[in-house]
Amino acid sequence: MSAKKIQTAFICQNCGSQSPKWLGKCPQCGQWNTFVEEIIKKTTSNTIKVVNNKINKPQLISDIDYSNEKRIVCTDNELNRVLGGGIVPGSLVLLGGDPGIGKSTLMLQFALSSSRKKILYISGEESEKQIKMRAERINKESDKCFVLTETSTQNIFQQIKLIQPDILVVDSIQTLHTETIDSSAGSVSQIRECTAELIEYAKNSDTAVFLIGHINKDGAIAGPKILEHMVDTVLQFEGDRNHVYRILRSIKNRFGSASEIGVYEMTQKGLRQVNNPSEILISERDEASSGVGIAATIEGARPLLIEIQSLVSTAVYGTPQRSATGFDTKRMNMLLAVLEKRCGFRLAAKDVFLNITGGIKIDDTAIDLAVICSILSSDMNVALNTHICFAGEVGLSGEIRAVNRIDQRISEAEKLGYKEIIISKHNKFNNKGFNIKISKYSKIEEVFKNMF
């Protein structure tokens, strides 16, 4: 008898598309040299899944009752905010981030902080003793947190059947493997199949599942792009390992805003929630210095006050440099062109460097006015008043345009002790109840006459 032929296929490691033969360039995502041969033979033996044997039938949308579906509110307020108000039962959350940024610490801290819900923490990267050492370092104990070190999904589902957890944490999805696929752990096929099994379990049992995912060299979550489409929420844990502050950012969220951020501080005892990020994004200075402007911005539903630093100097090598950190360089060039054309400032022959402190990236156009004022402050070497902040978008004709949710921006500036906020003349809001001076302008020329 001849041996049964092993079924293989070439699978793109970037997008997950299959091909019967090797291709140099993937026709789906256009990447080169991403096809790897993998065994795709499926077996049906020894598969244990925790599912309800129910047959779904079509229902009228008006007859579907979801009033009993309540979010699980955890003790981590920052995580609650980023998820849109708590954890939705039966949802899948994918958490990505650079190595050593604190993903495992964040999830273990969350698992140990639960006092009512039963949580199963599955680790394929660390032993029980290593997890216990980390738990002692962050100084938390829990009688609701179970730890399992296992990589086989068949064995994991056996333990899930015994424990019946309310929330499942998997660290990390790249370490799991299922017997239904013969390829090695971490391959596109294994990641996709393991995630599909966990999705089936989560939806049928109403158990929330958190998956930790690795990051590739391009900064995207490793594995096929389809992984991000399969899950309900994608979170990114960002920050510099050399700095203490971390930002938890929502990239995709089916149950809330996809532009929320949560801020943490990495300490010896784990991650500390930062309830007022404006305090860390604005540096404490003993005296006023030129090139510094304060902008009132909005990230998701949260108002923030950020510090914008500019440095304008004569171009040494003839060709002026333009560099921006945390801000769109093309937009900075546009604002410089507006200053050149509409206001007559000669900045074409000067180097301009821009930095948003705290290591965060801002896409809000309402910080345009603060960017322009900080650039001119550095150019003229005149310090701006430290008790003034800005909220306004600048148009190509030099007009100051209205921005959204101005009430929240004014309220945040007042709360942090600022005496004056400069906004657009076209902003409509209720002026009563604010104890901060609100100055309205329609053109950037008017702002310069009053500021400088």
Protein backbone atom coordinates (compact mmCIF):
# COMPACT_ATOMS: atom_id res chain seq x y z
CA MET A 1 0.00 0.00 0.00
CA SER A 2 1.29 3.43 -0.86
CA ALA A 3 1.59 6.03 1.85
CA LYS A 4 -1.12 8.69 1.89
CA LYS A 5 0.06 11.86 0.21
CA ILE A 6 0.53 14.81 2.55
CA GLN A 7 -1.49 17.82 1.43
CA THR A 8 0.51 21.03 1.39
CA ALA A 9 -0.06 24.56 0.16
CA PHE A 10 1.97 27.74 -0.09
CA ILE A 11 0.58 30.39 2.27
CA CYS A 12 1.44 34.09 2.34
CA GLN A 13 2.82 34.99 5.78
CA ASN A 14 1.52 38.55 5.42
CA CYS A 15 -2.12 38.22 4.37
CA GLY A 16 -2.81 34.46 4.60
CA SER A 17 -3.76 33.83 0.97
CA GLN A 18 -3.12 30.29 -0.36
CA SER A 19 -1.52 29.11 -3.60
CA PRO A 20 -0.89 25.58 -4.92
CA LYS A 21 2.63 26.62 -6.03
CA TRP A 22 5.30 29.01 -4.85
CA LEU A 23 4.98 32.61 -6.04
CA GLY A 24 7.56 35.36 -5.75
CA LYS A 25 4.94 38.10 -5.28
CA CYS A 26 1.64 37.67 -3.45
CA PRO A 27 -1.24 38.61 -5.80
CA GLN A 28 -3.42 39.67 -2.85
CA CYS A 29 -1.20 42.00 -0.77
CA GLY A 30 1.63 42.61 -3.26
CA GLN A 31 4.44 41.59 -0.86
CA TRP A 32 7.53 39.77 -2.15
CA ASN A 33 8.99 36.47 -0.83
CA THR A 34 6.22 35.85 1.71
CA PHE A 35 5.00 32.40 0.51
CA VAL A 36 5.95 29.48 2.78
CA GLU A 37 4.96 25.84 2.25
CA GLU A 38 2.74 24.50 5.05
CA ILE A 39 0.94 21.21 5.67
CA ILE A 40 -2.80 21.79 5.52
CA LYS A 41 -4.09 18.23 6.10
CA LYS A 42 -6.90 18.31 8.66
CA THR A 43 -7.78 15.56 11.12
CA THR A 44 -10.96 15.28 13.14
CA SER A 45 -9.78 13.05 15.96
CA ASN A 46 -9.10 14.16 19.55
CA THR A 47 -10.78 17.54 19.12
CA ILE A 48 -12.56 18.75 22.22
CA LYS A 49 -14.49 21.99 22.08
CA VAL A 50 -16.68 23.66 24.65
CA VAL A 51 -19.72 24.57 22.58
CA ASN A 52 -23.46 24.53 23.02
CA ASN A 53 -25.15 22.11 20.64
CA LYS A 54 -27.82 24.51 19.53
CA ILE A 55 -29.16 25.18 16.05
CA ASN A 56 -29.45 28.87 15.21
CA LYS A 57 -32.65 29.90 13.46
CA PRO A 58 -33.48 33.21 11.75
CA GLN A 59 -35.22 35.76 13.98
CA LEU A 60 -36.84 39.11 13.39
CA ILE A 61 -34.50 41.87 14.56
CA SER A 62 -37.35 43.36 16.61
CA ASP A 63 -37.68 40.04 18.52
CA ILE A 64 -34.01 39.86 19.55
CA ASP A 65 -33.60 40.68 23.24
CA TYR A 66 -30.25 41.99 24.43
CA SER A 67 -31.40 43.77 27.62
CA ASN A 68 -29.71 41.14 29.80
CA GLU A 69 -26.33 41.67 28.11
CA LYS A 70 -24.42 43.79 30.59
CA ARG A 71 -20.81 44.83 30.22
CA ILE A 72 -18.28 43.54 32.72
CA VAL A 73 -16.84 46.62 34.44
CA CYS A 74 -13.32 45.90 35.72
CA THR A 75 -11.32 47.83 38.30
CA ASP A 76 -9.02 49.25 35.60
CA ASN A 77 -10.76 52.49 34.58
CA GLU A 78 -8.37 53.12 31.68
CA LEU A 79 -9.11 49.68 30.18
CA ASN A 80 -12.85 50.25 30.66
CA ARG A 81 -12.62 53.56 28.79
CA VAL A 82 -10.65 52.14 25.85
CA LEU A 83 -13.05 49.18 25.51
CA GLY A 84 -16.02 51.57 25.41
CA GLY A 85 -17.34 51.24 28.97
CA GLY A 86 -16.37 47.70 29.99
CA ILE A 87 -15.89 44.20 28.61
CA VAL A 88 -18.65 42.80 26.39
CA PRO A 89 -19.39 39.11 27.16
CA GLY A 90 -18.53 36.89 24.19
CA SER A 91 -16.15 39.44 22.64
CA LEU A 92 -12.60 38.83 21.41
CA VAL A 93 -9.98 41.49 22.20
CA LEU A 94 -6.55 41.42 20.52
CA LEU A 95 -3.77 43.30 22.36
CA GLY A 96 -0.57 44.06 20.43
CA GLY A 97 2.64 45.85 21.34
CA ASP A 98 6.43 45.83 21.14
CA PRO A 99 8.43 43.26 23.17
CA GLY A 100 8.91 44.32 26.79
CA ILE A 101 6.35 47.13 26.63
CA GLY A 102 4.19 45.57 29.39
CA LYS A 103 1.43 43.56 27.64
CA SER A 104 1.73 40.53 29.93
CA THR A 105 1.96 42.78 33.01
CA LEU A 106 -1.19 44.66 31.97
CA MET A 107 -3.18 41.45 31.42
CA LEU A 108 -1.92 39.74 34.60
CA GLN A 109 -2.69 42.86 36.61
CA PHE A 110 -6.20 42.88 35.12
CA ALA A 111 -6.64 39.13 35.88
CA LEU A 112 -5.52 39.52 39.50
CA SER A 113 -7.70 42.58 40.14
CA SER A 114 -10.96 40.71 39.51
CA SER A 115 -12.92 39.99 42.68
CA ARG A 116 -16.19 38.67 41.21
CA LYS A 117 -15.43 37.14 37.79
CA LYS A 118 -13.49 33.89 37.35
CA ILE A 119 -10.49 34.45 35.05
CA LEU A 120 -8.28 31.80 33.41
CA TYR A 121 -4.83 33.12 32.44
CA ILE A 122 -3.23 30.86 29.82
CA SER A 123 0.47 31.34 29.15
CA GLY A 124 2.48 29.62 26.44
CA GLU A 125 5.60 31.68 27.11
CA GLU A 126 6.17 31.53 30.88
CA SER A 127 6.04 28.87 33.58
CA GLU A 128 3.76 29.03 36.64
CA LYS A 129 6.70 30.11 38.83
CA GLN A 130 7.58 33.00 36.52
CA ILE A 131 3.96 34.19 36.55
CA LYS A 132 3.89 33.90 40.35
CA MET A 133 7.08 35.98 40.59
CA ARG A 134 5.49 38.72 38.48
CA ALA A 135 2.30 38.59 40.56
CA GLU A 136 4.35 39.09 43.74
CA ARG A 137 6.26 41.97 42.15
CA ILE A 138 3.04 43.83 41.32
CA ASN A 139 1.85 42.92 44.84
CA LYS A 140 -1.55 41.46 44.00
CA GLU A 141 -3.36 38.32 45.15
CA SER A 142 -6.62 36.86 43.88
CA ASP A 143 -8.74 33.80 44.61
CA LYS A 144 -10.55 34.16 41.24
CA CYS A 145 -7.51 33.93 38.94
CA PHE A 146 -6.43 30.53 37.59
CA VAL A 147 -3.12 30.04 35.74
CA LEU A 148 -2.56 27.42 33.04
CA THR A 149 0.71 26.93 31.13
CA GLU A 150 -0.32 25.10 27.97
CA THR A 151 0.00 25.55 24.20
CA SER A 152 -2.31 22.82 22.81
CA THR A 153 -5.83 24.13 22.22
CA GLN A 154 -7.27 20.63 22.73
CA ASN A 155 -5.82 20.48 26.28
CA ILE A 156 -6.85 24.10 26.93
CA PHE A 157 -10.50 23.35 26.06
CA GLN A 158 -10.41 20.33 28.40
CA GLN A 159 -9.39 22.61 31.30
CA ILE A 160 -11.90 25.28 30.28
CA LYS A 161 -14.65 22.66 30.52
CA LEU A 162 -13.62 21.95 34.14
CA ILE A 163 -13.13 25.56 35.33
CA GLN A 164 -15.87 27.36 33.32
CA PRO A 165 -14.20 30.82 33.43
CA ASP A 166 -15.98 34.13 32.79
CA ILE A 167 -12.94 35.70 31.09
CA LEU A 168 -10.07 34.02 29.23
CA VAL A 169 -6.60 35.57 28.73
CA VAL A 170 -4.21 33.97 26.21
CA ASP A 171 -0.52 34.98 26.25
CA SER A 172 0.19 34.77 23.37
CA ILE A 173 -1.80 33.62 20.33
CA GLN A 174 1.47 32.90 18.43
CA THR A 175 2.40 30.12 20.90
CA LEU A 176 -0.83 28.09 20.54
CA HIS A 177 -1.21 25.17 18.19
CA THR A 178 -4.09 22.89 17.26
CA GLU A 179 -3.94 19.24 16.18
CA THR A 180 -6.23 19.90 13.22
CA ILE A 181 -3.32 21.67 11.45
CA ASP A 182 0.09 19.99 11.05
CA SER A 183 2.14 23.16 10.57
CA SER A 184 4.32 24.59 13.36
CA ALA A 185 3.09 26.98 16.05
CA GLY A 186 3.21 30.64 15.00
CA SER A 187 2.54 29.94 11.32
CA VAL A 188 -0.31 31.71 9.52
CA SER A 189 -2.43 28.54 9.40
CA GLN A 190 -2.02 27.82 13.13
CA ILE A 191 -2.76 31.41 14.21
CA ARG A 192 -5.86 31.55 12.03
CA GLU A 193 -7.19 28.15 13.13
CA CYS A 194 -6.53 28.70 16.85
CA THR A 195 -8.23 32.11 16.70
CA ALA A 196 -11.21 30.58 14.87
CA GLU A 197 -11.58 27.93 17.62
CA LEU A 198 -11.43 30.61 20.34
CA ILE A 199 -14.00 32.76 18.49
CA GLU A 200 -16.36 29.78 18.24
CA TYR A 201 -15.94 29.12 21.95
CA ALA A 202 -16.38 32.81 22.92
CA LYS A 203 -19.56 33.34 20.88
CA ASN A 204 -21.21 30.09 22.01
CA SER A 205 -20.38 30.43 25.71
CA ASP A 206 -20.54 34.27 26.11
CA THR A 207 -17.02 34.25 27.52
CA ALA A 208 -14.82 37.30 26.89
CA VAL A 209 -11.41 36.36 25.45
CA PHE A 210 -8.24 38.50 25.50
CA LEU A 211 -5.48 37.55 23.06
CA ILE A 212 -1.94 38.96 23.31
CA GLY A 213 -0.27 39.25 19.90
CA HIS A 214 3.35 39.76 18.90
CA ILE A 215 4.53 42.63 16.70
CA ASN A 216 6.55 42.21 13.52
CA LYS A 217 9.42 44.46 12.40
CA ASP A 218 7.02 46.80 10.59
CA GLY A 219 5.11 47.49 13.82
CA ALA A 220 1.97 45.56 12.80
CA ILE A 221 0.50 42.61 14.71
CA ALA A 222 2.26 39.43 13.54
CA GLY A 223 0.26 36.86 11.64
CA PRO A 224 -2.22 37.31 8.80
CA LYS A 225 -4.10 40.61 8.49
CA ILE A 226 -7.31 38.57 8.59
CA LEU A 227 -6.65 38.10 12.33
CA GLU A 228 -7.58 41.75 12.96
CA HIS A 229 -10.80 41.29 10.96
CA MET A 230 -11.79 38.19 12.95
CA VAL A 231 -11.64 39.79 16.41
CA ASP A 232 -14.04 42.42 17.80
CA THR A 233 -11.50 44.83 19.27
CA VAL A 234 -7.85 45.57 18.47
CA LEU A 235 -5.80 47.41 21.10
CA GLN A 236 -2.26 48.72 20.67
CA PHE A 237 0.04 49.15 23.68
CA GLU A 238 2.51 51.90 22.79
CA GLY A 239 5.39 53.74 24.40
CA ASP A 240 9.14 53.91 24.67
CA ARG A 241 10.79 51.32 26.91
CA ASN A 242 13.18 54.07 28.04
CA HIS A 243 10.27 56.16 29.34
CA VAL A 244 7.80 55.32 32.10
CA TYR A 245 4.56 56.23 30.33
CA ARG A 246 2.55 53.82 28.17
CA ILE A 247 -0.49 54.51 25.99
CA LEU A 248 -3.22 51.93 25.37
CA ARG A 249 -4.84 52.88 22.08
CA SER A 250 -7.97 51.44 20.46
CA ILE A 251 -7.46 50.77 16.74
CA LYS A 252 -10.71 48.90 16.09
CA ASN A 253 -13.72 48.53 18.37
CA ARG A 254 -17.11 47.08 17.42
CA PHE A 255 -18.59 48.13 20.78
CA GLY A 256 -17.28 51.69 21.25
CA SER A 257 -15.11 54.51 19.96
CA ALA A 258 -12.03 53.52 17.96
CA SER A 259 -10.09 56.65 18.94
CA GLU A 260 -9.88 56.23 22.72
CA ILE A 261 -6.62 56.16 24.67
CA GLY A 262 -5.69 55.03 28.18
CA VAL A 263 -2.50 56.23 29.88
CA TYR A 264 -0.38 54.17 32.29
CA GLU A 265 2.85 54.72 34.18
CA MET A 266 5.24 51.77 34.44
CA THR A 267 6.55 51.46 38.00
CA GLN A 268 8.38 48.80 40.04
CA LYS A 269 4.99 47.54 41.24
CA GLY A 270 3.40 47.27 37.81
CA LEU A 271 1.31 49.68 35.75
CA ARG A 272 -0.31 52.66 37.47
CA GLN A 273 -3.36 54.31 35.91
CA VAL A 274 -2.89 57.98 34.98
CA ASN A 275 -6.31 59.59 35.36
CA ASN A 276 -5.18 63.07 34.25
CA PRO A 277 -2.75 62.69 31.31
CA SER A 278 -2.53 66.48 30.79
CA GLU A 279 -0.25 66.65 33.84
CA ILE A 280 2.36 64.38 32.25
CA LEU A 281 2.07 65.92 28.77
CA ILE A 282 2.86 69.42 30.07
CA SER A 283 6.33 69.84 31.56
CA GLU A 284 6.90 71.85 34.71
CA ARG A 285 9.11 74.86 33.97
CA ASP A 286 10.55 77.38 36.39
CA GLU A 287 10.54 80.16 33.81
CA ALA A 288 8.90 80.83 30.46
CA SER A 289 10.88 79.80 27.38
CA SER A 290 10.36 80.63 23.71
CA GLY A 291 8.98 78.07 21.25
CA VAL A 292 6.50 76.46 23.65
CA GLY A 293 2.73 76.53 23.12
CA ILE A 294 -0.13 74.70 24.87
CA ALA A 295 -2.92 73.18 22.76
CA ALA A 296 -6.31 71.87 23.89
CA THR A 297 -6.97 68.65 21.96
CA ILE A 298 -9.39 65.71 22.14
CA GLU A 299 -8.42 62.03 22.00
CA GLY A 300 -11.56 59.90 21.68
CA ALA A 301 -13.87 61.21 24.38
CA ARG A 302 -11.08 62.62 26.54
CA PRO A 303 -9.89 66.26 26.42
CA LEU A 304 -6.12 66.70 26.76
CA LEU A 305 -3.80 69.66 27.07
CA ILE A 306 -0.51 69.01 25.30
CA GLU A 307 2.72 70.94 25.03
CA ILE A 308 4.10 71.77 21.58
CA GLN A 309 7.79 72.66 21.32
CA SER A 310 9.31 74.36 18.29
CA LEU A 311 12.84 75.30 17.30
CA VAL A 312 13.48 77.67 14.39
CA SER A 313 17.09 78.34 13.39
CA THR A 314 19.05 79.50 10.36
CA ALA A 315 19.69 76.70 7.85
CA VAL A 316 23.41 75.81 8.12
CA TYR A 317 23.73 73.70 4.97
CA GLY A 318 21.66 75.87 2.65
CA THR A 319 18.73 73.46 2.32
CA PRO A 320 16.34 74.02 5.26
CA GLN A 321 15.26 70.99 7.28
CA ARG A 322 11.66 70.23 8.27
CA SER A 323 11.14 67.69 11.04
CA ALA A 324 8.09 66.92 13.20
CA THR A 325 7.71 64.36 15.98
CA GLY A 326 4.13 63.38 16.88
CA PHE A 327 2.69 65.71 14.21
CA ASP A 328 2.12 65.36 10.46
CA THR A 329 5.12 66.85 8.64
CA LYS A 330 3.02 67.67 5.54
CA ARG A 331 0.59 69.66 7.65
CA MET A 332 3.47 71.52 9.30
CA ASN A 333 4.78 72.47 5.84
CA MET A 334 1.31 73.72 4.93
CA LEU A 335 1.15 75.90 8.05
CA LEU A 336 4.62 77.30 7.29
CA ALA A 337 3.43 78.17 3.78
CA VAL A 338 0.41 80.00 5.27
CA LEU A 339 2.75 82.04 7.52
CA GLU A 340 4.95 82.84 4.53
CA LYS A 341 2.13 83.85 2.17
CA ARG A 342 -0.48 85.44 4.42
CA CYS A 343 1.61 86.99 7.19
CA GLY A 344 4.91 87.75 5.50
CA PHE A 345 7.18 85.75 7.82
CA ARG A 346 10.36 84.62 6.03
CA LEU A 347 10.71 81.00 7.18
CA ALA A 348 11.67 79.40 3.84
CA ALA A 349 15.41 79.69 4.57
CA LYS A 350 15.20 78.42 8.16
CA ASP A 351 15.26 75.00 9.82
CA VAL A 352 12.01 74.18 11.65
CA PHE A 353 11.79 71.37 14.21
CA LEU A 354 8.54 70.48 15.97
CA ASN A 355 7.95 68.11 18.89
CA ILE A 356 4.84 67.08 20.82
CA THR A 357 5.94 66.11 24.31
CA GLY A 358 4.99 62.86 26.02
CA GLY A 359 5.66 60.67 22.97
CA ILE A 360 2.09 60.77 21.63
CA LYS A 361 0.87 61.35 18.08
CA ILE A 362 -1.90 63.88 17.48
CA ASP A 363 -4.13 63.97 14.39
CA ASP A 364 -6.44 66.70 15.70
CA THR A 365 -6.40 69.79 13.43
CA ALA A 366 -7.41 71.96 16.41
CA ILE A 367 -3.76 72.21 17.47
CA ASP A 368 -2.85 74.21 14.31
CA LEU A 369 -3.04 77.56 16.12
CA ALA A 370 -0.76 76.38 18.94
CA VAL A 371 1.73 75.00 16.37
CA ILE A 372 1.89 78.33 14.52
CA CYS A 373 2.24 80.36 17.73
CA SER A 374 5.04 78.12 19.05
CA ILE A 375 6.93 78.38 15.71
CA LEU A 376 6.68 82.19 15.73
CA SER A 377 7.62 82.30 19.41
CA SER A 378 10.85 80.45 18.61
CA ASP A 379 11.52 82.50 15.47
CA MET A 380 11.13 85.82 17.32
CA ASN A 381 12.66 84.42 20.53
CA VAL A 382 9.71 85.74 22.55
CA ALA A 383 8.14 83.45 25.17
CA LEU A 384 4.37 82.92 25.13
CA ASN A 385 2.39 83.53 28.29
CA THR A 386 2.40 80.23 30.22
CA HIS A 387 -1.23 80.75 31.31
CA ILE A 388 -2.61 80.85 27.74
CA CYS A 389 -3.66 77.86 25.61
CA PHE A 390 -5.02 77.52 22.07
CA ALA A 391 -7.76 75.62 20.23
CA GLY A 392 -8.23 76.47 16.57
CA GLU A 393 -7.78 75.08 13.08
CA VAL A 394 -5.94 77.27 10.56
CA GLY A 395 -7.15 77.44 6.96
CA LEU A 396 -5.13 78.14 3.82
CA SER A 397 -6.27 81.77 3.69
CA GLY A 398 -5.05 82.36 7.24
CA GLU A 399 -8.51 82.21 8.86
CA ILE A 400 -9.06 80.50 12.23
CA ARG A 401 -11.73 77.85 11.81
CA ALA A 402 -14.10 76.51 14.44
CA VAL A 403 -13.33 73.16 16.11
CA ASN A 404 -15.67 70.55 17.56
CA ARG A 405 -16.48 69.99 21.27
CA ILE A 406 -15.09 73.36 22.29
CA ASP A 407 -16.92 73.24 25.65
CA GLN A 408 -14.86 70.23 26.77
CA ARG A 409 -11.62 71.89 25.70
CA ILE A 410 -12.43 75.10 27.60
CA SER A 411 -13.51 73.14 30.69
CA GLU A 412 -10.26 71.11 30.71
CA ALA A 413 -8.15 74.28 30.36
CA GLU A 414 -10.01 75.90 33.24
CA LYS A 415 -9.64 72.78 35.40
CA LEU A 416 -5.86 72.80 34.91
CA GLY A 417 -5.58 76.44 35.97
CA TYR A 418 -5.15 78.29 32.67
CA LYS A 419 -6.27 81.94 32.69
CA GLU A 420 -7.07 82.36 28.97
CA ILE A 421 -7.92 80.23 25.93
CA ILE A 422 -7.76 81.52 22.34
CA ILE A 423 -10.38 80.07 19.97
CA SER A 424 -12.11 80.84 16.67
CA LYS A 425 -14.69 83.62 16.41
CA HIS A 426 -16.99 81.19 14.61
CA ASN A 427 -17.28 78.69 17.48
CA LYS A 428 -20.80 78.53 18.91
CA PHE A 429 -21.13 77.49 22.56
CA ASN A 430 -22.71 78.49 25.86
CA ASN A 431 -20.38 81.09 27.39
CA LYS A 432 -22.01 81.01 30.82
CA GLY A 433 -20.41 79.14 33.68
CA PHE A 434 -16.75 79.44 32.60
CA ASN A 435 -14.32 81.34 34.84
CA ILE A 436 -11.58 81.39 32.19
CA LYS A 437 -11.06 84.30 29.76
CA ILE A 438 -12.16 83.23 26.26
CA SER A 439 -10.57 85.26 23.44
CA LYS A 440 -12.07 84.93 19.95
CA TYR A 441 -10.25 85.73 16.71
CA SER A 442 -11.03 85.18 13.03
CA LYS A 443 -7.57 85.71 11.47
CA ILE A 444 -4.12 84.63 12.58
CA GLU A 445 -2.86 88.23 12.04
CA GLU A 446 -5.13 89.37 14.91
CA VAL A 447 -3.66 86.72 17.22
CA PHE A 448 -0.08 87.84 16.48
CA LYS A 449 -0.84 91.50 17.17
CA ASN A 450 -2.15 90.58 20.63
CA MET A 451 0.34 87.82 21.47
CA PHE A 452 3.60 89.42 20.26
